[in-house]
Amino acid sequence: MPLLMNINEELKLAYEDFRDNSAIPNSMPLFFEYTSFIFENERDNTILRRLRIGNVVSINIENRGNFAIIRAIFCHQKDNLRFVFVVVDWFEETNRTILGCPVYRLQTTNANLRRVFSICLVNAINVMHFVHNCRGEECIDGDHNSRNDLYIRNLYFLKLFNVYYLFINYHS
């Protein structure tokens, strides 16, 4: 199955986020495995951020409390400018928990959900930690069974890291 069936429609919506309603040229996108960019936070600090295919992020759009997994990163040229976009698959809550952590289902076939977004809408600061819900022996050496679309949001990763970091700094 192709990554996107309607890339021109998706790109049109992504450019509308910039308030650009002009026509989309037929230039071929260039795909990448990862990207890095400089982010300026509200305290005017600049931070180097990196995104890779497979990262779980949130997208800063209205009416969704959203998590998504990056499936592709590409560059598109328009009016002699290059814009960077991501293609995502959305997670949906299942109202289930495992070890107190919420379980999400990866939506790969919902045609009603928008999937292409400018990199400027990706919240790369608060990295979300999701773990594939491997069952039995269906996943071997990091090769996950793609028919199993359940992921667990690890709520404890940051807490454990902070405790470990404080422990190391206290005993240094």
C-alpha atoms as a PDB file:
ATOM      1  CA  MET A   1       0.000   0.000   0.000  1.00  0.00           C
ATOM      2  CA  PRO A   2       1.469   3.412  -0.904  1.00  0.00           C
ATOM      3  CA  LEU A   3       2.373   5.835   1.854  1.00  0.00           C
ATOM      4  CA  LEU A   4      -0.176   8.402   0.640  1.00  0.00           C
ATOM      5  CA  MET A   5      -2.915   7.965  -1.926  1.00  0.00           C
ATOM      6  CA  ASN A   6      -3.696  11.683  -2.217  1.00  0.00           C
ATOM      7  CA  ILE A   7      -0.441  13.547  -1.629  1.00  0.00           C
ATOM      8  CA  ASN A   8      -1.503  16.660  -3.574  1.00  0.00           C
ATOM      9  CA  GLU A   9      -4.671  17.069  -1.497  1.00  0.00           C
ATOM     10  CA  GLU A  10      -2.701  16.532   1.710  1.00  0.00           C
ATOM     11  CA  LEU A  11      -0.021  19.032   0.610  1.00  0.00           C
ATOM     12  CA  LYS A  12      -2.702  21.608  -0.196  1.00  0.00           C
ATOM     13  CA  LEU A  13      -4.025  21.342   3.365  1.00  0.00           C
ATOM     14  CA  ALA A  14      -0.500  21.541   4.780  1.00  0.00           C
ATOM     15  CA  TYR A  15       0.227  24.723   2.819  1.00  0.00           C
ATOM     16  CA  GLU A  16      -3.064  26.203   4.043  1.00  0.00           C
ATOM     17  CA  ASP A  17      -1.543  26.052   7.548  1.00  0.00           C
ATOM     18  CA  PHE A  18       0.786  28.808   6.228  1.00  0.00           C
ATOM     19  CA  ARG A  19      -2.271  30.634   4.834  1.00  0.00           C
ATOM     20  CA  ASP A  20      -1.034  29.755   1.348  1.00  0.00           C
ATOM     21  CA  ASN A  21      -3.955  28.814  -0.901  1.00  0.00           C
ATOM     22  CA  SER A  22      -2.075  28.951  -4.194  1.00  0.00           C
ATOM     23  CA  ALA A  23      -1.712  25.986  -6.523  1.00  0.00           C
ATOM     24  CA  ILE A  24       0.647  23.144  -5.649  1.00  0.00           C
ATOM     25  CA  PRO A  25       3.368  22.647  -8.278  1.00  0.00           C
ATOM     26  CA  ASN A  26       4.050  19.118  -9.455  1.00  0.00           C
ATOM     27  CA  SER A  27       7.576  18.961  -8.060  1.00  0.00           C
ATOM     28  CA  MET A  28       8.616  15.601  -6.676  1.00  0.00           C
ATOM     29  CA  PRO A  29       9.181  15.486  -2.923  1.00  0.00           C
ATOM     30  CA  LEU A  30      12.575  14.397  -1.590  1.00  0.00           C
ATOM     31  CA  PHE A  31      12.356  11.884   1.261  1.00  0.00           C
ATOM     32  CA  PHE A  32      14.697  11.634   4.250  1.00  0.00           C
ATOM     33  CA  GLU A  33      15.251   9.227   7.159  1.00  0.00           C
ATOM     34  CA  TYR A  34      15.688  12.042   9.683  1.00  0.00           C
ATOM     35  CA  THR A  35      15.838  15.802   9.993  1.00  0.00           C
ATOM     36  CA  SER A  36      17.186  18.320  12.460  1.00  0.00           C
ATOM     37  CA  PHE A  37      16.092  21.875  13.042  1.00  0.00           C
ATOM     38  CA  ILE A  38      16.560  24.709  15.489  1.00  0.00           C
ATOM     39  CA  PHE A  39      13.603  25.516  17.722  1.00  0.00           C
ATOM     40  CA  GLU A  40      13.226  28.731  19.677  1.00  0.00           C
ATOM     41  CA  ASN A  41      11.195  28.371  22.871  1.00  0.00           C
ATOM     42  CA  GLU A  42       9.172  30.999  24.715  1.00  0.00           C
ATOM     43  CA  ARG A  43      12.275  32.068  26.703  1.00  0.00           C
ATOM     44  CA  ASP A  44      14.133  32.792  23.429  1.00  0.00           C
ATOM     45  CA  ASN A  45      16.464  29.826  23.957  1.00  0.00           C
ATOM     46  CA  THR A  46      17.439  27.990  20.793  1.00  0.00           C
ATOM     47  CA  ILE A  47      17.369  24.203  20.916  1.00  0.00           C
ATOM     48  CA  LEU A  48      18.563  21.742  18.289  1.00  0.00           C
ATOM     49  CA  ARG A  49      15.878  19.079  17.724  1.00  0.00           C
ATOM     50  CA  ARG A  50      16.057  15.861  15.713  1.00  0.00           C
ATOM     51  CA  LEU A  51      13.208  13.830  14.254  1.00  0.00           C
ATOM     52  CA  ARG A  52      13.443  10.343  12.798  1.00  0.00           C
ATOM     53  CA  ILE A  53      11.022   8.047  11.065  1.00  0.00           C
ATOM     54  CA  GLY A  54       9.333   6.043  13.820  1.00  0.00           C
ATOM     55  CA  ASN A  55       9.402   8.828  16.443  1.00  0.00           C
ATOM     56  CA  VAL A  56       6.149   9.417  18.292  1.00  0.00           C
ATOM     57  CA  VAL A  57       5.216  13.091  18.459  1.00  0.00           C
ATOM     58  CA  SER A  58       2.237  15.318  19.052  1.00  0.00           C
ATOM     59  CA  ILE A  59       0.989  17.666  16.339  1.00  0.00           C
ATOM     60  CA  ASN A  60      -0.043  21.199  17.322  1.00  0.00           C
ATOM     61  CA  ILE A  61      -3.477  21.385  15.726  1.00  0.00           C
ATOM     62  CA  GLU A  62      -6.872  22.234  17.146  1.00  0.00           C
ATOM     63  CA  ASN A  63      -9.510  19.710  18.177  1.00  0.00           C
ATOM     64  CA  ARG A  64      -7.153  16.776  18.739  1.00  0.00           C
ATOM     65  CA  GLY A  65      -5.301  15.713  21.859  1.00  0.00           C
ATOM     66  CA  ASN A  66      -3.046  13.869  19.561  1.00  0.00           C
ATOM     67  CA  PHE A  67      -0.192  11.460  19.275  1.00  0.00           C
ATOM     68  CA  ALA A  68       1.171  10.230  15.983  1.00  0.00           C
ATOM     69  CA  ILE A  69       4.073   8.168  14.683  1.00  0.00           C
ATOM     70  CA  ILE A  70       6.227   9.651  11.915  1.00  0.00           C
ATOM     71  CA  ARG A  71       6.083   7.474   8.791  1.00  0.00           C
ATOM     72  CA  ALA A  72       7.964   9.766   6.395  1.00  0.00           C
ATOM     73  CA  ILE A  73       9.868  13.051   6.314  1.00  0.00           C
ATOM     74  CA  PHE A  74      10.039  14.919   3.041  1.00  0.00           C
ATOM     75  CA  CYS A  75      10.993  18.225   1.483  1.00  0.00           C
ATOM     76  CA  HIS A  76       8.804  19.921  -1.130  1.00  0.00           C
ATOM     77  CA  GLN A  77       9.789  22.885  -3.277  1.00  0.00           C
ATOM     78  CA  LYS A  78       7.379  25.719  -4.013  1.00  0.00           C
ATOM     79  CA  ASP A  79       8.233  29.210  -5.314  1.00  0.00           C
ATOM     80  CA  ASN A  80      11.970  28.511  -5.019  1.00  0.00           C
ATOM     81  CA  LEU A  81      11.552  27.713  -1.309  1.00  0.00           C
ATOM     82  CA  ARG A  82      11.857  24.311   0.319  1.00  0.00           C
ATOM     83  CA  PHE A  83       9.414  23.248   2.992  1.00  0.00           C
ATOM     84  CA  VAL A  84       9.772  20.206   5.247  1.00  0.00           C
ATOM     85  CA  PHE A  85       6.759  18.030   6.047  1.00  0.00           C
ATOM     86  CA  VAL A  86       6.057  14.832   7.954  1.00  0.00           C
ATOM     87  CA  VAL A  87       3.623  12.046   7.126  1.00  0.00           C
ATOM     88  CA  VAL A  88       2.067  10.497  10.232  1.00  0.00           C
ATOM     89  CA  ASP A  89      -0.186   7.686  11.325  1.00  0.00           C
ATOM     90  CA  TRP A  90      -2.424   8.670  14.239  1.00  0.00           C
ATOM     91  CA  PHE A  91      -2.902   6.851  17.526  1.00  0.00           C
ATOM     92  CA  GLU A  92      -6.341   6.473  19.068  1.00  0.00           C
ATOM     93  CA  GLU A  93      -7.059   5.666  22.699  1.00  0.00           C
ATOM     94  CA  THR A  94      -8.568   2.265  23.417  1.00  0.00           C
ATOM     95  CA  ASN A  95      -9.721   3.001  27.000  1.00  0.00           C
ATOM     96  CA  ARG A  96      -7.527   0.089  28.153  1.00  0.00           C
ATOM     97  CA  THR A  97      -4.449   0.145  30.363  1.00  0.00           C
ATOM     98  CA  ILE A  98      -1.514  -2.167  30.953  1.00  0.00           C
ATOM     99  CA  LEU A  99       0.441  -1.670  34.187  1.00  0.00           C
ATOM    100  CA  GLY A 100      -1.373   1.646  34.632  1.00  0.00           C
ATOM    101  CA  CYS A 101      -0.318   2.950  31.202  1.00  0.00           C
ATOM    102  CA  PRO A 102      -2.868   3.745  28.478  1.00  0.00           C
ATOM    103  CA  VAL A 103      -3.032   1.492  25.409  1.00  0.00           C
ATOM    104  CA  TYR A 104      -3.390   3.078  21.967  1.00  0.00           C
ATOM    105  CA  ARG A 105      -4.267   1.643  18.564  1.00  0.00           C
ATOM    106  CA  LEU A 106      -2.347   2.812  15.509  1.00  0.00           C
ATOM    107  CA  GLN A 107      -4.730   3.996  12.787  1.00  0.00           C
ATOM    108  CA  THR A 108      -3.269   3.257   9.363  1.00  0.00           C
ATOM    109  CA  THR A 109      -6.423   3.088   7.247  1.00  0.00           C
ATOM    110  CA  ASN A 110      -8.637   5.978   8.409  1.00  0.00           C
ATOM    111  CA  ALA A 111      -8.984   8.132   5.286  1.00  0.00           C
ATOM    112  CA  ASN A 112     -10.756  10.897   7.242  1.00  0.00           C
ATOM    113  CA  LEU A 113      -7.636  11.839   9.176  1.00  0.00           C
ATOM    114  CA  ARG A 114      -5.166  14.299   7.781  1.00  0.00           C
ATOM    115  CA  ARG A 115      -1.645  12.856   7.598  1.00  0.00           C
ATOM    116  CA  VAL A 116       0.742  15.520   6.188  1.00  0.00           C
ATOM    117  CA  PHE A 117       1.927  18.401   8.369  1.00  0.00           C
ATOM    118  CA  SER A 118       4.593  21.053   8.268  1.00  0.00           C
ATOM    119  CA  ILE A 119       7.481  20.327  10.569  1.00  0.00           C
ATOM    120  CA  CYS A 120       6.713  23.594  12.377  1.00  0.00           C
ATOM    121  CA  LEU A 121       3.507  21.988  13.759  1.00  0.00           C
ATOM    122  CA  VAL A 122       5.359  19.002  15.220  1.00  0.00           C
ATOM    123  CA  ASN A 123       5.857  19.221  18.949  1.00  0.00           C
ATOM    124  CA  ALA A 124       9.358  17.774  19.174  1.00  0.00           C
ATOM    125  CA  ILE A 125      10.078  19.175  22.617  1.00  0.00           C
ATOM    126  CA  ASN A 126       7.909  16.846  24.711  1.00  0.00           C
ATOM    127  CA  VAL A 127       8.926  13.494  23.291  1.00  0.00           C
ATOM    128  CA  MET A 128       6.334  10.811  23.922  1.00  0.00           C
ATOM    129  CA  HIS A 129       7.452   7.300  24.786  1.00  0.00           C
ATOM    130  CA  PHE A 130       5.375   4.531  23.245  1.00  0.00           C
ATOM    131  CA  VAL A 131       6.230   0.839  23.350  1.00  0.00           C
ATOM    132  CA  HIS A 132       4.888  -1.729  20.894  1.00  0.00           C
ATOM    133  CA  ASN A 133       2.612  -4.184  22.706  1.00  0.00           C
ATOM    134  CA  CYS A 134       4.466  -7.345  21.672  1.00  0.00           C
ATOM    135  CA  ARG A 135       2.552 -10.506  22.556  1.00  0.00           C
ATOM    136  CA  GLY A 136       4.093 -13.933  22.800  1.00  0.00           C
ATOM    137  CA  GLU A 137       6.750 -14.513  20.162  1.00  0.00           C
ATOM    138  CA  GLU A 138       5.205 -12.367  17.423  1.00  0.00           C
ATOM    139  CA  CYS A 139       7.999  -9.773  17.621  1.00  0.00           C
ATOM    140  CA  ILE A 140      11.608 -10.944  17.295  1.00  0.00           C
ATOM    141  CA  ASP A 141      14.750  -8.816  17.795  1.00  0.00           C
ATOM    142  CA  GLY A 142      12.961  -5.488  17.290  1.00  0.00           C
ATOM    143  CA  ASP A 143      11.118  -6.693  14.189  1.00  0.00           C
ATOM    144  CA  HIS A 144       7.529  -5.960  15.233  1.00  0.00           C
ATOM    145  CA  ASN A 145       4.487  -7.731  13.840  1.00  0.00           C
ATOM    146  CA  SER A 146       2.730  -5.020  11.799  1.00  0.00           C
ATOM    147  CA  ARG A 147      -0.660  -6.753  12.205  1.00  0.00           C
ATOM    148  CA  ASN A 148      -0.487  -5.955  15.920  1.00  0.00           C
ATOM    149  CA  ASP A 149      -1.407  -2.269  16.000  1.00  0.00           C
ATOM    150  CA  LEU A 150      -1.422  -1.811  19.799  1.00  0.00           C
ATOM    151  CA  TYR A 151       1.076   0.441  21.580  1.00  0.00           C
ATOM    152  CA  ILE A 152       1.501   1.307  25.249  1.00  0.00           C
ATOM    153  CA  ARG A 153       2.239   4.895  26.244  1.00  0.00           C
ATOM    154  CA  ASN A 154       5.026   4.624  28.818  1.00  0.00           C
ATOM    155  CA  LEU A 155       4.084   7.173  31.467  1.00  0.00           C
ATOM    156  CA  TYR A 156       6.965   6.170  33.731  1.00  0.00           C
ATOM    157  CA  PHE A 157       9.980   6.638  31.440  1.00  0.00           C
ATOM    158  CA  LEU A 158      10.505  10.325  32.226  1.00  0.00           C
ATOM    159  CA  LYS A 159       9.918   9.800  35.941  1.00  0.00           C
ATOM    160  CA  LEU A 160      12.494   6.987  36.087  1.00  0.00           C
ATOM    161  CA  PHE A 161      14.982   9.010  34.066  1.00  0.00           C
ATOM    162  CA  ASN A 162      14.573  12.012  36.370  1.00  0.00           C
ATOM    163  CA  VAL A 163      15.016   9.847  39.486  1.00  0.00           C
ATOM    164  CA  TYR A 164      18.109   8.200  37.948  1.00  0.00           C
ATOM    165  CA  TYR A 165      19.498  11.617  36.923  1.00  0.00           C
ATOM    166  CA  LEU A 166      18.942  13.008  40.442  1.00  0.00           C
ATOM    167  CA  PHE A 167      20.538   9.892  41.958  1.00  0.00           C
ATOM    168  CA  ILE A 168      23.636  10.232  39.730  1.00  0.00           C
ATOM    169  CA  ASN A 169      23.973  13.964  40.419  1.00  0.00           C
ATOM    170  CA  TYR A 170      23.478  13.488  44.159  1.00  0.00           C
ATOM    171  CA  HIS A 171      26.193  10.824  44.360  1.00  0.00           C
ATOM    172  CA  SER A 172      28.685  12.525  42.057  1.00  0.00           C
END
